Amino acid sequence: MPGFRISSRTHGTIDVQASNWLVALGEGLEHLGGVMNMDRIACESLPNGTILVRDVRTGSGFVVQPLEGGVVSDEATEEVFPAPEDTEDEQTGRERVIVSALGTVHAAASRSSAAQLALDAATTVIPAESGAVLLGERGKALAFAAAFGPEAHKLREIAIPAGTGFAGFSSSFLTALSVNNPYEDSRFCRAIDDITGYRTRSLLVVPIAVERRCFGVIELINSPSQHGFDDGAMVVLTRVAQALGVRLAASGPVEG
C-alpha cells in the first residue's frame, strides 16, 4: 500500500499507509491532533506529487508527501533506507528544500509571518545580498512587510507610492523583472538606496498575485553573479510569490 508523510510546522510529522493522499491526510490529522475544527481546507498539488493543505479559517497548514517504497517499517535500517542527503542530486535537493519552505508559507499564522517566511524560502535557494516583500493592493502604496540585508532595519515603516520604481511597475503590470545596472533604467527608484546607503547592482522582482489580484511584490537584490539573476531564479521566486499570494488571499484584503 502506498505510503505518505504528513507534516506540519506546529503539529509534527507522521508516516502513514493509505490508498490515496486524502485518506492519508485524514489519518495523519487524527494522529497529529490537527483534525479538530477543520471545516474548510484549501489544497494545492505540486508537480512532484506533494500536496499542500491549509485550513482556510485558522491558516494552519500540512504537507502531504508520497514516500517511495511505502512507509519505512520499524525494522528498517539506515543501510536499507539511506538518508536523502546521501542519494539525491543537487536539483532534487533544491526541490525538496523549496517544497518544504513553501509549506511553511502556506501554514503561516499571520500575513506578516507569511511574508517573512516567503522571503526566507526564496533565499534558501537563490543567493542574494538582500531582499524584501512589499505589500499593498494594486493602485495603493507598497509598504515593506519583510526585509533582510545589511541595511534592512532602515526600511521599517517605509512605503513606496503606487507605480513607483521597479516594485511599482511589477505590481501595476503584473510583470516579473530581472534587471542589471538598474541605475541606467528610468523606472528605478533611487530614493531607497539613498535611505539605506546601499547600492543596487542587480534586482529580481516578481508580483504576488492570485487570479490577477495583486497583493504586492517580492524582490531580491544583488546576485553574486556578475550576470545578475538568471531564469532559474525567476522561476523559483515566482513559485514563492504564488504561494504567498494564496496565503494572503485567504486572509482577506491587504492593508494599504
C-alpha atoms as a PDB file:
ATOM      1  CA  MET A   1       0.000   0.000   0.000  1.00  0.00           C
ATOM      2  CA  PRO A   2       1.325   3.494  -0.783  1.00  0.00           C
ATOM      3  CA  GLY A   3       2.992   5.471   1.986  1.00  0.00           C
ATOM      4  CA  PHE A   4       2.686   9.168   2.762  1.00  0.00           C
ATOM      5  CA  ARG A   5       4.420  11.587   5.117  1.00  0.00           C
ATOM      6  CA  ILE A   6       2.135  14.121   6.796  1.00  0.00           C
ATOM      7  CA  SER A   7       3.987  17.073   8.335  1.00  0.00           C
ATOM      8  CA  SER A   8       3.185  20.376   9.969  1.00  0.00           C
ATOM      9  CA  ARG A   9       5.344  23.119  11.418  1.00  0.00           C
ATOM     10  CA  THR A  10       3.212  23.126  14.580  1.00  0.00           C
ATOM     11  CA  HIS A  11       1.949  19.522  14.865  1.00  0.00           C
ATOM     12  CA  GLY A  12       4.985  17.454  13.862  1.00  0.00           C
ATOM     13  CA  THR A  13       5.403  14.634  11.331  1.00  0.00           C
ATOM     14  CA  ILE A  14       3.995  11.137  10.857  1.00  0.00           C
ATOM     15  CA  ASP A  15       4.268   8.457   8.133  1.00  0.00           C
ATOM     16  CA  VAL A  16       1.102   6.518   7.272  1.00  0.00           C
ATOM     17  CA  GLN A  17      -0.072   3.922   4.779  1.00  0.00           C
ATOM     18  CA  ALA A  18      -3.235   4.703   2.829  1.00  0.00           C
ATOM     19  CA  SER A  19      -4.897   4.070  -0.514  1.00  0.00           C
ATOM     20  CA  ASN A  20      -4.506   7.739  -1.533  1.00  0.00           C
ATOM     21  CA  TRP A  21      -3.228  11.079  -0.206  1.00  0.00           C
ATOM     22  CA  LEU A  22      -6.633  12.250   1.045  1.00  0.00           C
ATOM     23  CA  VAL A  23      -7.108   9.175   3.207  1.00  0.00           C
ATOM     24  CA  ALA A  24      -3.518   9.575   4.397  1.00  0.00           C
ATOM     25  CA  LEU A  25      -4.214  13.189   5.339  1.00  0.00           C
ATOM     26  CA  GLY A  26      -7.221  12.170   7.413  1.00  0.00           C
ATOM     27  CA  GLU A  27      -5.247   9.534   9.286  1.00  0.00           C
ATOM     28  CA  GLY A  28      -2.319  11.877   9.742  1.00  0.00           C
ATOM     29  CA  LEU A  29      -4.506  14.671  11.112  1.00  0.00           C
ATOM     30  CA  GLU A  30      -6.117  12.262  13.539  1.00  0.00           C
ATOM     31  CA  HIS A  31      -2.740  11.129  14.869  1.00  0.00           C
ATOM     32  CA  LEU A  32      -1.254  14.647  14.947  1.00  0.00           C
ATOM     33  CA  GLY A  33      -4.278  16.212  16.590  1.00  0.00           C
ATOM     34  CA  GLY A  34      -4.969  18.644  13.762  1.00  0.00           C
ATOM     35  CA  VAL A  35      -8.343  17.354  12.625  1.00  0.00           C
ATOM     36  CA  MET A  36     -10.451  19.138  15.220  1.00  0.00           C
ATOM     37  CA  ASN A  37     -12.423  22.178  13.994  1.00  0.00           C
ATOM     38  CA  MET A  38     -11.121  21.902  10.403  1.00  0.00           C
ATOM     39  CA  ASP A  39     -14.242  22.626   8.381  1.00  0.00           C
ATOM     40  CA  ARG A  40     -12.767  24.249   5.267  1.00  0.00           C
ATOM     41  CA  ILE A  41      -9.459  23.460   3.621  1.00  0.00           C
ATOM     42  CA  ALA A  42      -7.597  24.606   0.511  1.00  0.00           C
ATOM     43  CA  CYS A  43      -5.279  22.227  -1.325  1.00  0.00           C
ATOM     44  CA  GLU A  44      -2.521  22.774  -3.884  1.00  0.00           C
ATOM     45  CA  SER A  45      -0.918  19.934  -5.836  1.00  0.00           C
ATOM     46  CA  LEU A  46       2.731  20.447  -6.778  1.00  0.00           C
ATOM     47  CA  PRO A  47       4.350  18.837  -9.860  1.00  0.00           C
ATOM     48  CA  ASN A  48       6.329  16.359  -7.749  1.00  0.00           C
ATOM     49  CA  GLY A  49       3.169  14.902  -6.174  1.00  0.00           C
ATOM     50  CA  THR A  50       3.362  16.840  -2.914  1.00  0.00           C
ATOM     51  CA  ILE A  51       0.057  18.260  -1.660  1.00  0.00           C
ATOM     52  CA  LEU A  52      -0.061  21.497   0.342  1.00  0.00           C
ATOM     53  CA  VAL A  53      -3.121  21.625   2.602  1.00  0.00           C
ATOM     54  CA  ARG A  54      -4.250  24.690   4.547  1.00  0.00           C
ATOM     55  CA  ASP A  55      -7.088  25.312   6.987  1.00  0.00           C
ATOM     56  CA  VAL A  56      -8.675  28.441   5.491  1.00  0.00           C
ATOM     57  CA  ARG A  57     -10.179  29.509   8.803  1.00  0.00           C
ATOM     58  CA  THR A  58      -7.106  29.232  11.027  1.00  0.00           C
ATOM     59  CA  GLY A  59      -4.267  29.368   8.494  1.00  0.00           C
ATOM     60  CA  SER A  60      -2.652  26.196   9.848  1.00  0.00           C
ATOM     61  CA  GLY A  61      -1.118  24.007   7.164  1.00  0.00           C
ATOM     62  CA  PHE A  62       0.028  20.482   6.425  1.00  0.00           C
ATOM     63  CA  VAL A  63       2.258  18.977   3.743  1.00  0.00           C
ATOM     64  CA  VAL A  64       1.437  15.533   2.289  1.00  0.00           C
ATOM     65  CA  GLN A  65       4.408  13.890   0.566  1.00  0.00           C
ATOM     66  CA  PRO A  66       4.324  10.487  -1.179  1.00  0.00           C
ATOM     67  CA  LEU A  67       7.003   8.096   0.060  1.00  0.00           C
ATOM     68  CA  GLU A  68       8.868   5.976  -2.447  1.00  0.00           C
ATOM     69  CA  GLY A  69       8.621   2.326  -1.489  1.00  0.00           C
ATOM     70  CA  GLY A  70       5.859   2.928   1.070  1.00  0.00           C
ATOM     71  CA  VAL A  71       6.189   3.635   4.765  1.00  0.00           C
ATOM     72  CA  VAL A  72       9.503   2.697   6.359  1.00  0.00           C
ATOM     73  CA  SER A  73       8.973  -0.122   8.868  1.00  0.00           C
ATOM     74  CA  ASP A  74      10.296  -0.086  12.415  1.00  0.00           C
ATOM     75  CA  GLU A  75      12.810  -2.788  11.471  1.00  0.00           C
ATOM     76  CA  ALA A  76      14.300  -0.808   8.608  1.00  0.00           C
ATOM     77  CA  THR A  77      17.919   0.250   8.927  1.00  0.00           C
ATOM     78  CA  GLU A  78      19.860   3.175   7.542  1.00  0.00           C
ATOM     79  CA  GLU A  79      21.647   0.800   5.161  1.00  0.00           C
ATOM     80  CA  VAL A  80      18.340  -0.313   3.607  1.00  0.00           C
ATOM     81  CA  PHE A  81      16.866   3.185   3.575  1.00  0.00           C
ATOM     82  CA  PRO A  82      19.754   5.667   3.128  1.00  0.00           C
ATOM     83  CA  ALA A  83      19.296   9.252   4.216  1.00  0.00           C
ATOM     84  CA  PRO A  84      18.073  11.605   1.434  1.00  0.00           C
ATOM     85  CA  GLU A  85      21.267  13.628   1.508  1.00  0.00           C
ATOM     86  CA  ASP A  86      23.239  10.525   0.582  1.00  0.00           C
ATOM     87  CA  THR A  87      21.235   9.744  -2.550  1.00  0.00           C
ATOM     88  CA  GLU A  88      19.633  12.862  -4.010  1.00  0.00           C
ATOM     89  CA  ASP A  89      21.274  15.030  -6.635  1.00  0.00           C
ATOM     90  CA  GLU A  90      21.561  18.808  -6.366  1.00  0.00           C
ATOM     91  CA  GLN A  91      18.370  19.533  -8.299  1.00  0.00           C
ATOM     92  CA  THR A  92      16.345  17.099  -6.202  1.00  0.00           C
ATOM     93  CA  GLY A  93      17.800  18.630  -3.072  1.00  0.00           C
ATOM     94  CA  ARG A  94      16.810  22.139  -4.183  1.00  0.00           C
ATOM     95  CA  GLU A  95      13.300  20.937  -4.959  1.00  0.00           C
ATOM     96  CA  ARG A  96      12.992  19.273  -1.571  1.00  0.00           C
ATOM     97  CA  VAL A  97      14.118  22.444   0.180  1.00  0.00           C
ATOM     98  CA  ILE A  98      11.754  24.753  -1.713  1.00  0.00           C
ATOM     99  CA  VAL A  99       8.741  22.443  -1.296  1.00  0.00           C
ATOM    100  CA  SER A 100       9.346  22.296   2.438  1.00  0.00           C
ATOM    101  CA  ALA A 101       9.828  26.066   2.613  1.00  0.00           C
ATOM    102  CA  LEU A 102       6.640  26.766   0.647  1.00  0.00           C
ATOM    103  CA  GLY A 103       4.760  24.537   3.053  1.00  0.00           C
ATOM    104  CA  THR A 104       5.724  26.890   5.887  1.00  0.00           C
ATOM    105  CA  VAL A 105       4.400  29.863   3.897  1.00  0.00           C
ATOM    106  CA  HIS A 106       1.014  28.174   3.486  1.00  0.00           C
ATOM    107  CA  ALA A 107       0.979  27.300   7.189  1.00  0.00           C
ATOM    108  CA  ALA A 108       1.995  30.761   8.451  1.00  0.00           C
ATOM    109  CA  ALA A 109      -0.056  32.032  11.377  1.00  0.00           C
ATOM    110  CA  SER A 110      -0.266  35.628  10.086  1.00  0.00           C
ATOM    111  CA  ARG A 111       0.289  37.697   6.960  1.00  0.00           C
ATOM    112  CA  SER A 112       3.429  39.273   8.367  1.00  0.00           C
ATOM    113  CA  SER A 113       4.943  35.908   9.221  1.00  0.00           C
ATOM    114  CA  ALA A 114       3.904  34.596   5.787  1.00  0.00           C
ATOM    115  CA  ALA A 115       5.799  37.470   4.161  1.00  0.00           C
ATOM    116  CA  GLN A 116       8.924  36.768   6.203  1.00  0.00           C
ATOM    117  CA  LEU A 117       8.710  33.014   5.570  1.00  0.00           C
ATOM    118  CA  ALA A 118       8.313  33.642   1.835  1.00  0.00           C
ATOM    119  CA  LEU A 119      11.458  35.757   1.846  1.00  0.00           C
ATOM    120  CA  ASP A 120      13.266  33.052   3.809  1.00  0.00           C
ATOM    121  CA  ALA A 121      12.040  30.430   1.317  1.00  0.00           C
ATOM    122  CA  ALA A 122      13.385  32.398  -1.637  1.00  0.00           C
ATOM    123  CA  THR A 123      16.806  32.931  -0.131  1.00  0.00           C
ATOM    124  CA  THR A 124      17.249  29.271   0.784  1.00  0.00           C
ATOM    125  CA  VAL A 125      17.829  28.524  -2.908  1.00  0.00           C
ATOM    126  CA  ILE A 126      18.534  31.911  -4.553  1.00  0.00           C
ATOM    127  CA  PRO A 127      21.753  33.661  -3.456  1.00  0.00           C
ATOM    128  CA  ALA A 128      21.238  37.385  -2.899  1.00  0.00           C
ATOM    129  CA  GLU A 129      22.693  40.123  -0.699  1.00  0.00           C
ATOM    130  CA  SER A 130      19.308  41.470   0.345  1.00  0.00           C
ATOM    131  CA  GLY A 131      15.614  41.297  -0.411  1.00  0.00           C
ATOM    132  CA  ALA A 132      12.158  42.398   0.635  1.00  0.00           C
ATOM    133  CA  VAL A 133       8.433  41.774   0.459  1.00  0.00           C
ATOM    134  CA  LEU A 134       6.320  44.868  -0.207  1.00  0.00           C
ATOM    135  CA  LEU A 135       2.574  44.631   0.261  1.00  0.00           C
ATOM    136  CA  GLY A 136      -0.347  46.783  -0.843  1.00  0.00           C
ATOM    137  CA  GLU A 137      -3.332  46.252  -3.115  1.00  0.00           C
ATOM    138  CA  ARG A 138      -2.889  47.415  -6.696  1.00  0.00           C
ATOM    139  CA  GLY A 139      -3.190  51.172  -7.003  1.00  0.00           C
ATOM    140  CA  LYS A 140      -2.068  51.763  -3.402  1.00  0.00           C
ATOM    141  CA  ALA A 141       1.300  52.390  -1.806  1.00  0.00           C
ATOM    142  CA  LEU A 142       3.597  49.408  -1.300  1.00  0.00           C
ATOM    143  CA  ALA A 143       4.847  49.055   2.278  1.00  0.00           C
ATOM    144  CA  PHE A 144       7.815  46.950   3.389  1.00  0.00           C
ATOM    145  CA  ALA A 145       6.360  43.919   5.181  1.00  0.00           C
ATOM    146  CA  ALA A 146       9.620  41.960   5.454  1.00  0.00           C
ATOM    147  CA  ALA A 147      13.239  42.655   4.570  1.00  0.00           C
ATOM    148  CA  PHE A 148      16.713  41.250   5.017  1.00  0.00           C
ATOM    149  CA  GLY A 149      20.166  42.538   4.240  1.00  0.00           C
ATOM    150  CA  PRO A 150      22.839  44.884   5.609  1.00  0.00           C
ATOM    151  CA  GLU A 151      20.505  47.887   5.981  1.00  0.00           C
ATOM    152  CA  ALA A 152      17.120  46.154   6.225  1.00  0.00           C
ATOM    153  CA  HIS A 153      16.269  47.840   9.548  1.00  0.00           C
ATOM    154  CA  LYS A 154      16.133  51.226   7.775  1.00  0.00           C
ATOM    155  CA  LEU A 155      13.168  50.090   5.671  1.00  0.00           C
ATOM    156  CA  ARG A 156      10.713  49.672   8.548  1.00  0.00           C
ATOM    157  CA  GLU A 157       7.545  51.754   8.171  1.00  0.00           C
ATOM    158  CA  ILE A 158       8.602  52.962   4.708  1.00  0.00           C
ATOM    159  CA  ALA A 159       6.073  52.874   1.851  1.00  0.00           C
ATOM    160  CA  ILE A 160       6.597  53.413  -1.870  1.00  0.00           C
ATOM    161  CA  PRO A 161       3.904  55.380  -3.746  1.00  0.00           C
ATOM    162  CA  ALA A 162       1.842  53.355  -6.214  1.00  0.00           C
ATOM    163  CA  GLY A 163       3.578  52.843  -9.550  1.00  0.00           C
ATOM    164  CA  THR A 164       6.992  53.931  -8.233  1.00  0.00           C
ATOM    165  CA  GLY A 165      10.161  52.060  -9.087  1.00  0.00           C
ATOM    166  CA  PHE A 166      10.524  48.520 -10.333  1.00  0.00           C
ATOM    167  CA  ALA A 167       8.300  47.314  -7.498  1.00  0.00           C
ATOM    168  CA  GLY A 168       5.507  49.655  -8.548  1.00  0.00           C
ATOM    169  CA  PHE A 169       5.932  48.704 -12.203  1.00  0.00           C
ATOM    170  CA  SER A 170       5.832  44.974 -11.421  1.00  0.00           C
ATOM    171  CA  SER A 171       2.761  45.372  -9.218  1.00  0.00           C
ATOM    172  CA  SER A 172       0.883  47.580 -11.681  1.00  0.00           C
ATOM    173  CA  PHE A 173       1.525  45.457 -14.768  1.00  0.00           C
ATOM    174  CA  LEU A 174       1.801  42.008 -13.105  1.00  0.00           C
ATOM    175  CA  THR A 175       5.225  41.619 -14.682  1.00  0.00           C
ATOM    176  CA  ALA A 176       8.345  39.900 -13.350  1.00  0.00           C
ATOM    177  CA  LEU A 177      11.601  41.764 -13.949  1.00  0.00           C
ATOM    178  CA  SER A 178      15.284  40.874 -13.823  1.00  0.00           C
ATOM    179  CA  VAL A 179      17.415  43.979 -14.137  1.00  0.00           C
ATOM    180  CA  ASN A 180      21.167  44.541 -14.251  1.00  0.00           C
ATOM    181  CA  ASN A 181      22.574  48.042 -13.823  1.00  0.00           C
ATOM    182  CA  PRO A 182      19.249  49.487 -12.581  1.00  0.00           C
ATOM    183  CA  TYR A 183      20.692  52.998 -12.350  1.00  0.00           C
ATOM    184  CA  GLU A 184      20.585  53.069 -16.137  1.00  0.00           C
ATOM    185  CA  ASP A 185      16.813  52.423 -16.152  1.00  0.00           C
ATOM    186  CA  SER A 186      14.428  55.354 -15.699  1.00  0.00           C
ATOM    187  CA  ARG A 187      11.998  53.163 -13.697  1.00  0.00           C
ATOM    188  CA  PHE A 188      14.498  52.703 -10.870  1.00  0.00           C
ATOM    189  CA  CYS A 189      13.636  54.411  -7.568  1.00  0.00           C
ATOM    190  CA  ARG A 190      16.966  55.663  -6.199  1.00  0.00           C
ATOM    191  CA  ALA A 191      15.332  57.017  -3.038  1.00  0.00           C
ATOM    192  CA  ILE A 192      15.521  53.646  -1.291  1.00  0.00           C
ATOM    193  CA  ASP A 193      19.256  53.353  -1.951  1.00  0.00           C
ATOM    194  CA  ASP A 194      19.630  56.921  -0.662  1.00  0.00           C
ATOM    195  CA  ILE A 195      17.843  55.971   2.563  1.00  0.00           C
ATOM    196  CA  THR A 196      19.852  52.803   3.168  1.00  0.00           C
ATOM    197  CA  GLY A 197      23.192  53.902   1.745  1.00  0.00           C
ATOM    198  CA  TYR A 198      23.120  50.624  -0.171  1.00  0.00           C
ATOM    199  CA  ARG A 199      23.811  50.356  -3.897  1.00  0.00           C
ATOM    200  CA  THR A 200      21.589  48.143  -6.023  1.00  0.00           C
ATOM    201  CA  ARG A 201      23.579  46.432  -8.802  1.00  0.00           C
ATOM    202  CA  SER A 202      21.050  43.798  -9.893  1.00  0.00           C
ATOM    203  CA  LEU A 203      17.446  43.154  -8.997  1.00  0.00           C
ATOM    204  CA  LEU A 204      14.793  40.452  -9.404  1.00  0.00           C
ATOM    205  CA  VAL A 205      11.186  41.420  -8.662  1.00  0.00           C
ATOM    206  CA  VAL A 206       8.039  39.288  -9.037  1.00  0.00           C
ATOM    207  CA  PRO A 207       4.408  40.292  -8.408  1.00  0.00           C
ATOM    208  CA  ILE A 208       2.486  38.496  -5.650  1.00  0.00           C
ATOM    209  CA  ALA A 209      -0.766  37.837  -7.452  1.00  0.00           C
ATOM    210  CA  VAL A 210      -3.686  35.409  -7.496  1.00  0.00           C
ATOM    211  CA  GLU A 211      -6.129  35.474 -10.419  1.00  0.00           C
ATOM    212  CA  ARG A 212      -4.833  38.923 -11.435  1.00  0.00           C
ATOM    213  CA  ARG A 213      -5.393  40.309  -7.940  1.00  0.00           C
ATOM    214  CA  CYS A 214      -2.042  41.721  -6.882  1.00  0.00           C
ATOM    215  CA  PHE A 215      -1.008  41.935  -3.235  1.00  0.00           C
ATOM    216  CA  GLY A 216       2.435  43.436  -3.802  1.00  0.00           C
ATOM    217  CA  VAL A 217       5.845  42.151  -4.845  1.00  0.00           C
ATOM    218  CA  ILE A 218       8.767  40.093  -3.595  1.00  0.00           C
ATOM    219  CA  GLU A 219      12.228  41.190  -4.655  1.00  0.00           C
ATOM    220  CA  LEU A 220      15.831  40.080  -4.313  1.00  0.00           C
ATOM    221  CA  ILE A 221      18.772  42.428  -4.705  1.00  0.00           C
ATOM    222  CA  ASN A 222      22.374  41.936  -5.817  1.00  0.00           C
ATOM    223  CA  SER A 223      23.067  38.481  -7.144  1.00  0.00           C
ATOM    224  CA  PRO A 224      26.626  37.256  -6.528  1.00  0.00           C
ATOM    225  CA  SER A 225      26.839  36.603 -10.283  1.00  0.00           C
ATOM    226  CA  GLN A 226      28.057  39.451 -12.453  1.00  0.00           C
ATOM    227  CA  HIS A 227      25.311  38.473 -14.902  1.00  0.00           C
ATOM    228  CA  GLY A 228      22.571  39.057 -12.338  1.00  0.00           C
ATOM    229  CA  PHE A 229      19.656  36.761 -11.571  1.00  0.00           C
ATOM    230  CA  ASP A 230      19.037  34.028 -14.142  1.00  0.00           C
ATOM    231  CA  ASP A 231      15.826  32.444 -15.472  1.00  0.00           C
ATOM    232  CA  GLY A 232      16.010  29.677 -12.886  1.00  0.00           C
ATOM    233  CA  ALA A 233      15.972  32.231 -10.078  1.00  0.00           C
ATOM    234  CA  MET A 234      12.915  33.892 -11.608  1.00  0.00           C
ATOM    235  CA  VAL A 235      11.083  30.546 -11.783  1.00  0.00           C
ATOM    236  CA  VAL A 236      11.774  29.838  -8.115  1.00  0.00           C
ATOM    237  CA  LEU A 237      10.847  33.345  -6.967  1.00  0.00           C
ATOM    238  CA  THR A 238       7.615  33.121  -8.960  1.00  0.00           C
ATOM    239  CA  ARG A 239       6.719  29.901  -7.126  1.00  0.00           C
ATOM    240  CA  VAL A 240       7.371  31.608  -3.812  1.00  0.00           C
ATOM    241  CA  ALA A 241       5.270  34.626  -4.833  1.00  0.00           C
ATOM    242  CA  GLN A 242       2.394  32.362  -5.873  1.00  0.00           C
ATOM    243  CA  ALA A 243       2.469  30.527  -2.539  1.00  0.00           C
ATOM    244  CA  LEU A 244       2.461  33.820  -0.651  1.00  0.00           C
ATOM    245  CA  GLY A 245      -0.373  35.108  -2.824  1.00  0.00           C
ATOM    246  CA  VAL A 246      -2.532  32.085  -1.975  1.00  0.00           C
ATOM    247  CA  ARG A 247      -1.846  32.602   1.727  1.00  0.00           C
ATOM    248  CA  LEU A 248      -2.684  36.324   1.552  1.00  0.00           C
ATOM    249  CA  ALA A 249      -5.834  35.726  -0.496  1.00  0.00           C
ATOM    250  CA  ALA A 250      -7.170  33.527   2.291  1.00  0.00           C
ATOM    251  CA  SER A 251      -6.660  36.334   4.808  1.00  0.00           C
ATOM    252  CA  GLY A 252      -8.761  38.976   3.101  1.00  0.00           C
ATOM    253  CA  PRO A 253      -7.658  42.406   1.822  1.00  0.00           C
ATOM    254  CA  VAL A 254      -4.116  43.578   2.472  1.00  0.00           C
ATOM    255  CA  GLU A 255      -3.957  46.867   4.342  1.00  0.00           C
ATOM    256  CA  GLY A 256      -2.739  49.618   2.063  1.00  0.00           C
END
